[in-house]
């Protein structure tokens, strides 16, 4: 089973990378972009087919290591 974890900054947390990309897009005349937020994706290949255990394990991984839960949110997708 594969777990895909998308991690992004919480709303209200300054995203300096996103601001830099937004500025660069403006300077390249891409005018329809209102905001840019940069995140990260972690893809984990798991040795289980038990979705409940996988979700529990990956949630614990996010809480303890993968995400800084003070300033980041995460979403887990099992495929």
N, C-alpha and C. Protein backbone atom coordinates (compact mmCIF):
# COMPACT_ATOMS: atom_id res chain seq x y z
N UNK A 1 0.84 -1.18 0.00
CA UNK A 1 0.00 0.00 0.00
C UNK A 1 0.89 1.24 0.00
N UNK A 2 0.40 2.27 -0.66
CA UNK A 2 1.15 3.51 -0.72
C UNK A 2 0.39 4.57 0.07
N UNK A 3 1.14 5.37 0.83
CA UNK A 3 0.57 6.51 1.54
C UNK A 3 1.18 7.78 0.95
N UNK A 4 0.33 8.70 0.57
CA UNK A 4 0.78 10.00 0.06
C UNK A 4 0.40 11.04 1.09
N UNK A 5 1.40 11.75 1.59
CA UNK A 5 1.19 12.77 2.62
C UNK A 5 1.51 14.13 2.01
N UNK A 6 0.52 15.00 1.98
CA UNK A 6 0.70 16.38 1.52
C UNK A 6 0.76 17.29 2.74
N UNK A 7 1.84 18.05 2.84
CA UNK A 7 2.08 18.91 4.00
C UNK A 7 2.13 20.35 3.51
N UNK A 8 1.39 21.21 4.19
CA UNK A 8 1.36 22.63 3.80
C UNK A 8 1.34 23.49 5.06
N UNK A 9 1.77 24.73 4.88
CA UNK A 9 1.74 25.66 5.99
C UNK A 9 0.29 25.98 6.35
N UNK A 10 0.03 26.16 7.63
CA UNK A 10 -1.31 26.53 8.07
C UNK A 10 -1.65 27.92 7.55
N UNK A 11 -2.94 28.16 7.40
CA UNK A 11 -3.41 29.49 7.00
C UNK A 11 -2.91 30.50 8.01
N UNK A 12 -2.43 31.62 7.53
CA UNK A 12 -1.93 32.66 8.42
C UNK A 12 -0.44 32.60 8.68
N UNK A 13 0.20 31.49 8.33
CA UNK A 13 1.66 31.37 8.48
C UNK A 13 2.30 31.91 7.21
N UNK A 14 3.23 32.84 7.37
CA UNK A 14 3.90 33.45 6.23
C UNK A 14 4.63 32.40 5.41
N UNK A 15 4.39 32.40 4.11
CA UNK A 15 5.04 31.47 3.20
C UNK A 15 5.99 32.28 2.30
N UNK A 16 7.23 32.44 2.74
CA UNK A 16 8.18 33.26 2.00
C UNK A 16 8.51 32.67 0.63
N UNK A 17 8.57 31.35 0.53
CA UNK A 17 8.80 30.72 -0.78
C UNK A 17 7.64 31.01 -1.72
N UNK A 18 6.44 30.89 -1.21
CA UNK A 18 5.26 31.17 -2.02
C UNK A 18 5.24 32.61 -2.50
N UNK A 19 5.61 33.55 -1.62
CA UNK A 19 5.66 34.96 -1.99
C UNK A 19 6.70 35.19 -3.09
N UNK A 20 7.86 34.55 -2.97
CA UNK A 20 8.91 34.69 -3.98
C UNK A 20 8.45 34.15 -5.33
N UNK A 21 7.79 33.00 -5.33
CA UNK A 21 7.29 32.42 -6.58
C UNK A 21 6.20 33.31 -7.16
N UNK A 22 5.32 33.83 -6.32
CA UNK A 22 4.26 34.72 -6.79
C UNK A 22 4.85 35.96 -7.45
N UNK A 23 5.86 36.54 -6.82
CA UNK A 23 6.54 37.71 -7.38
C UNK A 23 7.18 37.37 -8.74
N UNK A 24 7.84 36.21 -8.81
CA UNK A 24 8.48 35.78 -10.06
C UNK A 24 7.44 35.58 -11.16
N UNK A 25 6.30 34.98 -10.82
CA UNK A 25 5.25 34.79 -11.82
C UNK A 25 4.72 36.12 -12.32
N UNK A 26 4.54 37.08 -11.40
CA UNK A 26 4.11 38.42 -11.80
C UNK A 26 5.12 39.05 -12.76
N UNK A 27 6.39 38.90 -12.45
CA UNK A 27 7.43 39.51 -13.30
C UNK A 27 7.52 38.84 -14.67
N UNK A 28 7.02 37.62 -14.77
CA UNK A 28 6.98 36.91 -16.05
C UNK A 28 5.64 37.12 -16.77
N UNK A 29 4.85 38.05 -16.25
CA UNK A 29 3.55 38.43 -16.84
C UNK A 29 2.48 37.33 -16.75
N UNK A 30 2.54 36.49 -15.73
CA UNK A 30 1.44 35.57 -15.44
C UNK A 30 0.53 36.30 -14.46
N UNK A 31 -0.48 36.96 -15.00
CA UNK A 31 -1.25 37.91 -14.21
C UNK A 31 -2.45 37.32 -13.46
N UNK A 32 -2.85 36.11 -13.75
CA UNK A 32 -4.06 35.54 -13.14
C UNK A 32 -3.84 34.82 -11.83
N UNK A 33 -2.67 34.91 -11.23
CA UNK A 33 -2.36 34.18 -10.01
C UNK A 33 -2.56 35.11 -8.82
N UNK A 34 -3.48 34.75 -7.91
CA UNK A 34 -3.77 35.58 -6.74
C UNK A 34 -2.87 35.29 -5.55
N UNK A 35 -2.48 34.03 -5.39
CA UNK A 35 -1.66 33.64 -4.23
C UNK A 35 -0.93 32.35 -4.57
N UNK A 36 0.21 32.14 -3.94
CA UNK A 36 0.99 30.91 -4.11
C UNK A 36 1.38 30.41 -2.74
N UNK A 37 1.15 29.13 -2.49
CA UNK A 37 1.59 28.48 -1.25
C UNK A 37 2.43 27.27 -1.66
N UNK A 38 3.57 27.12 -1.06
CA UNK A 38 4.47 26.01 -1.36
C UNK A 38 4.35 24.97 -0.24
N UNK A 39 4.27 23.71 -0.62
CA UNK A 39 4.19 22.64 0.35
C UNK A 39 5.17 21.54 0.00
N UNK A 40 4.98 20.40 0.63
CA UNK A 40 5.83 19.25 0.31
C UNK A 40 4.97 18.00 0.29
N UNK A 41 5.45 17.00 -0.41
CA UNK A 41 4.75 15.72 -0.50
C UNK A 41 5.72 14.61 -0.14
N UNK A 42 5.25 13.70 0.72
CA UNK A 42 6.02 12.53 1.12
C UNK A 42 5.24 11.30 0.67
N UNK A 43 5.90 10.41 -0.07
CA UNK A 43 5.26 9.18 -0.55
C UNK A 43 5.92 8.01 0.16
N UNK A 44 5.10 7.23 0.85
CA UNK A 44 5.59 6.09 1.63
C UNK A 44 5.04 4.80 1.07
N UNK A 45 5.89 3.82 0.84
CA UNK A 45 5.44 2.49 0.43
C UNK A 45 5.38 1.64 1.70
N UNK A 46 4.20 1.15 2.02
CA UNK A 46 3.98 0.42 3.27
C UNK A 46 3.82 -1.07 3.02
N UNK A 47 4.20 -1.87 4.03
CA UNK A 47 4.12 -3.32 3.93
C UNK A 47 2.80 -3.90 4.44
N UNK A 48 1.77 -3.09 4.50
CA UNK A 48 0.49 -3.57 5.03
C UNK A 48 -0.62 -3.30 4.03
N UNK A 49 -1.66 -4.10 4.10
CA UNK A 49 -2.87 -3.87 3.31
C UNK A 49 -4.03 -3.46 4.22
N UNK A 50 -3.76 -3.34 5.52
CA UNK A 50 -4.76 -2.94 6.51
C UNK A 50 -4.83 -1.41 6.54
N UNK A 51 -5.91 -0.85 5.97
CA UNK A 51 -6.01 0.61 5.86
C UNK A 51 -6.08 1.29 7.22
N UNK A 52 -6.72 0.67 8.18
CA UNK A 52 -6.82 1.27 9.51
C UNK A 52 -5.45 1.38 10.16
N UNK A 53 -4.66 0.30 10.08
CA UNK A 53 -3.31 0.32 10.64
C UNK A 53 -2.43 1.30 9.89
N UNK A 54 -2.53 1.31 8.57
CA UNK A 54 -1.73 2.22 7.76
C UNK A 54 -2.03 3.66 8.13
N UNK A 55 -3.30 4.01 8.22
CA UNK A 55 -3.68 5.39 8.56
C UNK A 55 -3.18 5.75 9.95
N UNK A 56 -3.30 4.84 10.88
CA UNK A 56 -2.81 5.08 12.24
C UNK A 56 -1.30 5.29 12.27
N UNK A 57 -0.57 4.42 11.57
CA UNK A 57 0.89 4.51 11.55
C UNK A 57 1.36 5.79 10.87
N UNK A 58 0.76 6.14 9.74
CA UNK A 58 1.19 7.33 9.00
C UNK A 58 0.82 8.59 9.77
N UNK A 59 -0.33 8.59 10.42
CA UNK A 59 -0.69 9.73 11.26
C UNK A 59 0.34 9.94 12.36
N UNK A 60 0.75 8.86 12.99
CA UNK A 60 1.77 8.95 14.04
C UNK A 60 3.09 9.46 13.46
N UNK A 61 3.46 8.99 12.25
CA UNK A 61 4.68 9.48 11.60
C UNK A 61 4.61 10.98 11.37
N UNK A 62 3.45 11.45 10.92
CA UNK A 62 3.28 12.89 10.67
C UNK A 62 3.39 13.68 11.97
N UNK A 63 2.73 13.21 13.00
CA UNK A 63 2.71 13.92 14.28
C UNK A 63 4.10 13.95 14.93
N UNK A 64 4.89 12.90 14.74
CA UNK A 64 6.18 12.80 15.42
C UNK A 64 7.37 13.26 14.58
N UNK A 65 7.25 13.23 13.24
CA UNK A 65 8.43 13.52 12.43
C UNK A 65 8.15 14.33 11.15
N UNK A 66 7.20 13.89 10.35
CA UNK A 66 7.08 14.43 9.01
C UNK A 66 6.57 15.86 8.95
N UNK A 67 5.69 16.24 9.85
CA UNK A 67 5.11 17.58 9.82
C UNK A 67 5.41 18.30 11.14
N UNK A 68 5.63 19.60 11.03
CA UNK A 68 5.73 20.44 12.22
C UNK A 68 4.32 20.94 12.49
N UNK A 69 3.60 20.23 13.36
CA UNK A 69 2.17 20.48 13.52
C UNK A 69 1.85 21.83 14.17
N UNK A 70 2.85 22.54 14.63
CA UNK A 70 2.62 23.89 15.14
C UNK A 70 2.29 24.83 13.99
N UNK A 71 2.98 24.67 12.85
CA UNK A 71 2.79 25.58 11.72
C UNK A 71 2.34 24.89 10.44
N UNK A 72 2.22 23.55 10.44
CA UNK A 72 1.86 22.84 9.23
C UNK A 72 0.64 21.95 9.43
N UNK A 73 -0.15 21.82 8.38
CA UNK A 73 -1.23 20.86 8.30
C UNK A 73 -0.80 19.74 7.37
N UNK A 74 -1.44 18.59 7.50
CA UNK A 74 -1.13 17.48 6.59
C UNK A 74 -2.40 16.73 6.23
N UNK A 75 -2.37 16.13 5.06
CA UNK A 75 -3.45 15.27 4.57
C UNK A 75 -2.83 13.95 4.13
N UNK A 76 -3.50 12.86 4.46
CA UNK A 76 -3.00 11.52 4.12
C UNK A 76 -3.96 10.88 3.13
N UNK A 77 -3.40 10.34 2.05
CA UNK A 77 -4.18 9.58 1.08
C UNK A 77 -3.57 8.19 0.97
N UNK A 78 -4.38 7.16 1.14
CA UNK A 78 -3.91 5.79 1.00
C UNK A 78 -4.36 5.26 -0.36
N UNK A 79 -3.41 4.71 -1.12
CA UNK A 79 -3.75 4.16 -2.44
C UNK A 79 -3.16 2.78 -2.58
